[in-house]
Amino acid sequence: MAGYRNALRVFTDPDAYPILCHCRAGADRVGTVVFLLLGLLGVEFDDLARDYELTSFSVWGKRSRHSAAFQTVVDALQALPGATINEQIHNYAITIGLAPEEIDRIRGILLEPGS
């Protein structure tokens, strides 16, 4: 959890941009960080899942929204309060130690005004 908190916290600093995030294969960890980040920005589940599947361009094989690894992440998020995946991701971010102000800062940096 600390790893995801620390990764998401990088996006709270406007001086850190542009940000390149990667892991050894560019799929599982980065795919999950980006899934969480986009979820905080309000991207809907089908688009989140599609984006995760695009990490299949990694050298480590095809990713699927139907895989056990992806479903484990989704199941853990769905165990949290919230009517949507976005609310559940927000609650996850709070649970792992991001402050609401940090989430707001990420949104302020990455979203167009009025989004």
N, C-alpha and C. Protein backbone atom coordinates (compact mmCIF):
# COMPACT_ATOMS: atom_id res chain seq x y z
N MET A 1 0.82 -1.20 0.00
CA MET A 1 0.00 0.00 0.00
C MET A 1 0.86 1.26 0.00
N ALA A 2 1.96 1.22 0.73
CA ALA A 2 2.83 2.41 0.78
C ALA A 2 3.38 2.72 -0.62
N GLY A 3 3.65 1.67 -1.40
CA GLY A 3 4.16 1.88 -2.75
C GLY A 3 3.17 2.64 -3.62
N TYR A 4 1.90 2.26 -3.55
CA TYR A 4 0.88 2.96 -4.34
C TYR A 4 0.65 4.37 -3.80
N ARG A 5 0.67 4.53 -2.48
CA ARG A 5 0.53 5.88 -1.91
C ARG A 5 1.67 6.77 -2.39
N ASN A 6 2.88 6.27 -2.31
CA ASN A 6 4.04 7.07 -2.72
C ASN A 6 4.00 7.39 -4.21
N ALA A 7 3.57 6.43 -5.01
CA ALA A 7 3.48 6.66 -6.45
C ALA A 7 2.43 7.72 -6.76
N LEU A 8 1.27 7.62 -6.15
CA LEU A 8 0.21 8.60 -6.39
C LEU A 8 0.60 9.98 -5.86
N ARG A 9 1.34 10.00 -4.78
CA ARG A 9 1.74 11.27 -4.18
C ARG A 9 2.63 12.08 -5.12
N VAL A 10 3.38 11.41 -5.98
CA VAL A 10 4.22 12.13 -6.95
C VAL A 10 3.36 13.05 -7.82
N PHE A 11 2.13 12.60 -8.13
CA PHE A 11 1.25 13.37 -9.00
C PHE A 11 0.64 14.59 -8.31
N THR A 12 0.89 14.77 -7.01
CA THR A 12 0.37 15.93 -6.29
C THR A 12 1.26 17.16 -6.43
N ASP A 13 2.47 16.96 -6.97
CA ASP A 13 3.46 18.03 -7.04
C ASP A 13 3.52 18.61 -8.45
N PRO A 14 3.01 19.82 -8.66
CA PRO A 14 3.03 20.38 -10.02
C PRO A 14 4.44 20.54 -10.58
N ASP A 15 5.45 20.64 -9.72
CA ASP A 15 6.83 20.78 -10.19
C ASP A 15 7.41 19.45 -10.69
N ALA A 16 6.71 18.34 -10.44
CA ALA A 16 7.20 17.03 -10.87
C ALA A 16 6.87 16.73 -12.32
N TYR A 17 5.99 17.52 -12.92
CA TYR A 17 5.53 17.25 -14.29
C TYR A 17 6.53 17.77 -15.31
N PRO A 18 6.67 17.10 -16.44
CA PRO A 18 5.97 15.89 -16.85
C PRO A 18 6.50 14.69 -16.07
N ILE A 19 5.64 13.70 -15.88
CA ILE A 19 5.98 12.52 -15.10
C ILE A 19 6.03 11.30 -16.02
N LEU A 20 7.11 10.56 -15.92
CA LEU A 20 7.24 9.28 -16.61
C LEU A 20 7.17 8.21 -15.53
N CYS A 21 6.18 7.35 -15.64
CA CYS A 21 6.12 6.25 -14.66
C CYS A 21 6.30 4.94 -15.40
N HIS A 22 7.06 4.06 -14.80
CA HIS A 22 7.33 2.76 -15.42
C HIS A 22 7.75 1.78 -14.35
N CYS A 23 7.66 0.54 -14.68
CA CYS A 23 8.23 -0.52 -13.85
C CYS A 23 8.99 -1.44 -14.80
N ARG A 24 9.45 -2.54 -14.32
CA ARG A 24 10.31 -3.40 -15.13
C ARG A 24 9.65 -3.77 -16.45
N ALA A 25 8.38 -4.17 -16.39
CA ALA A 25 7.70 -4.59 -17.61
C ALA A 25 6.70 -3.55 -18.11
N GLY A 26 6.35 -2.60 -17.28
CA GLY A 26 5.40 -1.58 -17.70
C GLY A 26 3.96 -2.03 -17.70
N ALA A 27 3.65 -3.01 -16.88
CA ALA A 27 2.29 -3.54 -16.93
C ALA A 27 1.64 -3.59 -15.54
N ASP A 28 1.99 -4.53 -14.73
CA ASP A 28 1.23 -4.77 -13.50
C ASP A 28 1.24 -3.60 -12.53
N ARG A 29 2.39 -3.21 -12.05
CA ARG A 29 2.44 -2.11 -11.08
C ARG A 29 2.05 -0.78 -11.70
N VAL A 30 2.64 -0.46 -12.84
CA VAL A 30 2.30 0.80 -13.49
C VAL A 30 0.85 0.76 -13.97
N GLY A 31 0.43 -0.37 -14.48
CA GLY A 31 -0.97 -0.50 -14.90
C GLY A 31 -1.92 -0.23 -13.76
N THR A 32 -1.57 -0.70 -12.57
CA THR A 32 -2.42 -0.47 -11.40
C THR A 32 -2.35 0.98 -10.95
N VAL A 33 -1.17 1.57 -10.94
CA VAL A 33 -1.04 2.99 -10.55
C VAL A 33 -1.86 3.86 -11.50
N VAL A 34 -1.75 3.62 -12.79
CA VAL A 34 -2.49 4.42 -13.77
C VAL A 34 -3.98 4.16 -13.64
N PHE A 35 -4.38 2.92 -13.37
CA PHE A 35 -5.78 2.59 -13.13
C PHE A 35 -6.31 3.42 -11.96
N LEU A 36 -5.56 3.47 -10.87
CA LEU A 36 -5.96 4.26 -9.70
C LEU A 36 -6.00 5.75 -10.02
N LEU A 37 -4.97 6.23 -10.68
CA LEU A 37 -4.89 7.64 -11.03
C LEU A 37 -6.07 8.05 -11.91
N LEU A 38 -6.32 7.30 -12.96
CA LEU A 38 -7.43 7.63 -13.86
C LEU A 38 -8.77 7.51 -13.14
N GLY A 39 -8.87 6.55 -12.23
CA GLY A 39 -10.09 6.42 -11.45
C GLY A 39 -10.33 7.63 -10.57
N LEU A 40 -9.26 8.18 -10.00
CA LEU A 40 -9.38 9.41 -9.21
C LEU A 40 -9.83 10.58 -10.07
N LEU A 41 -9.53 10.51 -11.35
CA LEU A 41 -9.89 11.59 -12.28
C LEU A 41 -11.30 11.42 -12.84
N GLY A 42 -11.97 10.32 -12.48
CA GLY A 42 -13.35 10.14 -12.90
C GLY A 42 -13.56 9.29 -14.14
N VAL A 43 -12.51 8.66 -14.65
CA VAL A 43 -12.65 7.79 -15.82
C VAL A 43 -13.53 6.60 -15.44
N GLU A 44 -14.46 6.25 -16.31
CA GLU A 44 -15.40 5.17 -16.02
C GLU A 44 -14.75 3.80 -16.14
N PHE A 45 -15.38 2.79 -15.51
CA PHE A 45 -14.78 1.47 -15.38
C PHE A 45 -14.37 0.86 -16.72
N ASP A 46 -15.24 0.89 -17.72
CA ASP A 46 -14.90 0.24 -19.00
C ASP A 46 -13.64 0.86 -19.61
N ASP A 47 -13.50 2.15 -19.50
CA ASP A 47 -12.31 2.81 -20.02
C ASP A 47 -11.09 2.49 -19.16
N LEU A 48 -11.27 2.38 -17.85
CA LEU A 48 -10.17 1.98 -16.97
C LEU A 48 -9.68 0.58 -17.34
N ALA A 49 -10.63 -0.33 -17.54
CA ALA A 49 -10.27 -1.70 -17.87
C ALA A 49 -9.58 -1.77 -19.24
N ARG A 50 -10.08 -1.02 -20.20
CA ARG A 50 -9.48 -1.00 -21.53
C ARG A 50 -8.05 -0.47 -21.46
N ASP A 51 -7.85 0.59 -20.69
CA ASP A 51 -6.51 1.15 -20.55
C ASP A 51 -5.57 0.13 -19.91
N TYR A 52 -6.05 -0.58 -18.89
CA TYR A 52 -5.24 -1.62 -18.26
C TYR A 52 -4.86 -2.69 -19.29
N GLU A 53 -5.82 -3.07 -20.13
CA GLU A 53 -5.54 -4.09 -21.14
C GLU A 53 -4.48 -3.61 -22.14
N LEU A 54 -4.40 -2.32 -22.37
CA LEU A 54 -3.40 -1.79 -23.29
C LEU A 54 -1.98 -1.97 -22.77
N THR A 55 -1.84 -2.28 -21.48
CA THR A 55 -0.49 -2.58 -20.98
C THR A 55 -0.01 -3.91 -21.54
N SER A 56 -0.85 -4.58 -22.32
CA SER A 56 -0.44 -5.83 -22.98
C SER A 56 0.70 -5.61 -23.96
N PHE A 57 0.99 -4.36 -24.28
CA PHE A 57 2.12 -4.10 -25.15
C PHE A 57 3.43 -4.38 -24.43
N SER A 58 3.37 -4.73 -23.15
CA SER A 58 4.58 -5.08 -22.41
C SER A 58 5.11 -6.42 -22.94
N VAL A 59 6.32 -6.73 -22.58
CA VAL A 59 6.94 -7.98 -23.03
C VAL A 59 6.46 -9.18 -22.22
N TRP A 60 5.64 -8.98 -21.20
CA TRP A 60 5.28 -10.05 -20.27
C TRP A 60 3.91 -10.66 -20.55
N GLY A 61 3.37 -10.45 -21.71
CA GLY A 61 2.14 -11.14 -22.08
C GLY A 61 0.91 -10.26 -22.01
N LYS A 62 -0.19 -10.84 -22.45
CA LYS A 62 -1.44 -10.13 -22.59
C LYS A 62 -2.10 -9.90 -21.24
N ARG A 63 -2.66 -8.71 -21.06
CA ARG A 63 -3.42 -8.36 -19.86
C ARG A 63 -4.89 -8.36 -20.22
N SER A 64 -5.72 -8.79 -19.29
CA SER A 64 -7.15 -8.86 -19.55
C SER A 64 -7.92 -8.43 -18.31
N ARG A 65 -9.03 -7.76 -18.55
CA ARG A 65 -9.92 -7.40 -17.45
C ARG A 65 -10.53 -8.63 -16.82
N HIS A 66 -10.38 -9.78 -17.46
CA HIS A 66 -10.93 -11.03 -16.95
C HIS A 66 -9.88 -11.85 -16.21
N SER A 67 -8.66 -11.35 -16.12
CA SER A 67 -7.59 -12.09 -15.47
C SER A 67 -7.77 -12.07 -13.95
N ALA A 68 -7.18 -13.05 -13.31
CA ALA A 68 -7.24 -13.13 -11.85
C ALA A 68 -6.56 -11.92 -11.21
N ALA A 69 -5.44 -11.47 -11.77
CA ALA A 69 -4.72 -10.33 -11.19
C ALA A 69 -5.58 -9.07 -11.23
N PHE A 70 -6.19 -8.80 -12.37
CA PHE A 70 -7.03 -7.61 -12.49
C PHE A 70 -8.25 -7.73 -11.59
N GLN A 71 -8.87 -8.90 -11.58
CA GLN A 71 -10.07 -9.09 -10.77
C GLN A 71 -9.77 -8.95 -9.28
N THR A 72 -8.58 -9.33 -8.85
CA THR A 72 -8.19 -9.17 -7.45
C THR A 72 -8.19 -7.70 -7.07
N VAL A 73 -7.65 -6.85 -7.94
CA VAL A 73 -7.64 -5.40 -7.69
C VAL A 73 -9.06 -4.87 -7.64
N VAL A 74 -9.88 -5.23 -8.62
CA VAL A 74 -11.25 -4.74 -8.68
C VAL A 74 -12.05 -5.22 -7.48
N ASP A 75 -11.90 -6.48 -7.10
CA ASP A 75 -12.63 -7.02 -5.95
C ASP A 75 -12.26 -6.28 -4.66
N ALA A 76 -10.97 -5.99 -4.50
CA ALA A 76 -10.53 -5.26 -3.31
C ALA A 76 -11.13 -3.86 -3.28
N LEU A 77 -11.18 -3.21 -4.43
CA LEU A 77 -11.76 -1.87 -4.49
C LEU A 77 -13.26 -1.91 -4.23
N GLN A 78 -13.93 -2.91 -4.78
CA GLN A 78 -15.38 -3.00 -4.62
C GLN A 78 -15.79 -3.34 -3.19
N ALA A 79 -14.85 -3.79 -2.37
CA ALA A 79 -15.13 -4.05 -0.96
C ALA A 79 -15.19 -2.75 -0.16
N LEU A 80 -14.74 -1.66 -0.77
CA LEU A 80 -14.73 -0.36 -0.11
C LEU A 80 -16.06 0.36 -0.34
N PRO A 81 -16.39 1.31 0.53
CA PRO A 81 -17.62 2.09 0.31
C PRO A 81 -17.56 2.88 -0.99
N GLY A 82 -18.72 3.06 -1.59
CA GLY A 82 -18.82 3.86 -2.81
C GLY A 82 -19.76 3.21 -3.80
N ALA A 83 -20.52 4.03 -4.47
CA ALA A 83 -21.48 3.54 -5.46
C ALA A 83 -20.83 3.30 -6.82
N THR A 84 -19.67 3.91 -7.06
CA THR A 84 -18.98 3.76 -8.34
C THR A 84 -17.53 3.36 -8.08
N ILE A 85 -16.89 2.87 -9.12
CA ILE A 85 -15.47 2.53 -9.00
C ILE A 85 -14.66 3.76 -8.64
N ASN A 86 -15.08 4.93 -9.13
CA ASN A 86 -14.35 6.17 -8.83
C ASN A 86 -14.42 6.50 -7.34
N GLU A 87 -15.59 6.34 -6.74
CA GLU A 87 -15.73 6.58 -5.30
C GLU A 87 -14.93 5.55 -4.50
N GLN A 88 -14.92 4.31 -4.98
CA GLN A 88 -14.17 3.27 -4.29
C GLN A 88 -12.67 3.53 -4.38
N ILE A 89 -12.20 3.98 -5.53
CA ILE A 89 -10.78 4.33 -5.67
C ILE A 89 -10.44 5.52 -4.79
N HIS A 90 -11.32 6.51 -4.73
CA HIS A 90 -11.12 7.65 -3.84
C HIS A 90 -10.97 7.15 -2.40
N ASN A 91 -11.86 6.27 -1.97
CA ASN A 91 -11.79 5.74 -0.61
C ASN A 91 -10.54 4.91 -0.39
N TYR A 92 -10.09 4.18 -1.42
CA TYR A 92 -8.85 3.44 -1.32
C TYR A 92 -7.68 4.40 -1.11
N ALA A 93 -7.65 5.47 -1.89
CA ALA A 93 -6.56 6.45 -1.77
C ALA A 93 -6.51 7.03 -0.36
N ILE A 94 -7.66 7.32 0.20
CA ILE A 94 -7.72 7.82 1.58
C ILE A 94 -7.21 6.75 2.54
N THR A 95 -7.64 5.52 2.32
CA THR A 95 -7.24 4.40 3.20
C THR A 95 -5.73 4.20 3.22
N ILE A 96 -5.08 4.39 2.08
CA ILE A 96 -3.62 4.16 2.03
C ILE A 96 -2.82 5.38 2.45
N GLY A 97 -3.52 6.48 2.79
CA GLY A 97 -2.81 7.61 3.37
C GLY A 97 -2.78 8.89 2.57
N LEU A 98 -3.44 8.95 1.41
CA LEU A 98 -3.52 10.23 0.71
C LEU A 98 -4.55 11.09 1.41
N ALA A 99 -4.25 12.34 1.57
CA ALA A 99 -5.19 13.29 2.16
C ALA A 99 -6.16 13.75 1.08
N PRO A 100 -7.39 14.08 1.46
CA PRO A 100 -8.34 14.60 0.47
C PRO A 100 -7.77 15.78 -0.32
N GLU A 101 -6.96 16.62 0.35
CA GLU A 101 -6.36 17.76 -0.32
C GLU A 101 -5.38 17.31 -1.41
N GLU A 102 -4.70 16.20 -1.19
CA GLU A 102 -3.77 15.69 -2.19
C GLU A 102 -4.53 15.18 -3.42
N ILE A 103 -5.65 14.52 -3.17
CA ILE A 103 -6.48 14.04 -4.28
C ILE A 103 -7.01 15.24 -5.06
N ASP A 104 -7.46 16.25 -4.35
CA ASP A 104 -7.94 17.47 -5.02
C ASP A 104 -6.82 18.12 -5.84
N ARG A 105 -5.60 18.09 -5.32
CA ARG A 105 -4.46 18.68 -6.03
C ARG A 105 -4.19 17.91 -7.33
N ILE A 106 -4.24 16.58 -7.27
CA ILE A 106 -4.06 15.77 -8.48
C ILE A 106 -5.12 16.16 -9.51
N ARG A 107 -6.35 16.23 -9.07
CA ARG A 107 -7.44 16.59 -9.99
C ARG A 107 -7.24 18.00 -10.55
N GLY A 108 -6.82 18.92 -9.71
CA GLY A 108 -6.59 20.29 -10.16
C GLY A 108 -5.50 20.40 -11.20
N ILE A 109 -4.49 19.56 -11.07
CA ILE A 109 -3.37 19.58 -12.01
C ILE A 109 -3.75 18.91 -13.34
N LEU A 110 -4.45 17.80 -13.26
CA LEU A 110 -4.66 16.97 -14.45
C LEU A 110 -5.99 17.18 -15.18
N LEU A 111 -6.94 17.81 -14.54
CA LEU A 111 -8.24 18.00 -15.19
C LEU A 111 -8.38 19.43 -15.70
N GLU A 112 -9.04 19.57 -16.80
CA GLU A 112 -9.38 20.88 -17.33
C GLU A 112 -10.41 21.51 -16.40
N PRO A 113 -10.40 22.83 -16.23
CA PRO A 113 -11.43 23.48 -15.42
C PRO A 113 -12.82 23.13 -15.93
N GLY A 114 -13.71 22.85 -14.99
CA GLY A 114 -15.08 22.50 -15.33
C GLY A 114 -15.28 21.04 -15.65
N SER A 115 -14.21 20.21 -15.56
CA SER A 115 -14.34 18.78 -15.85
C SER A 115 -14.94 18.04 -14.68
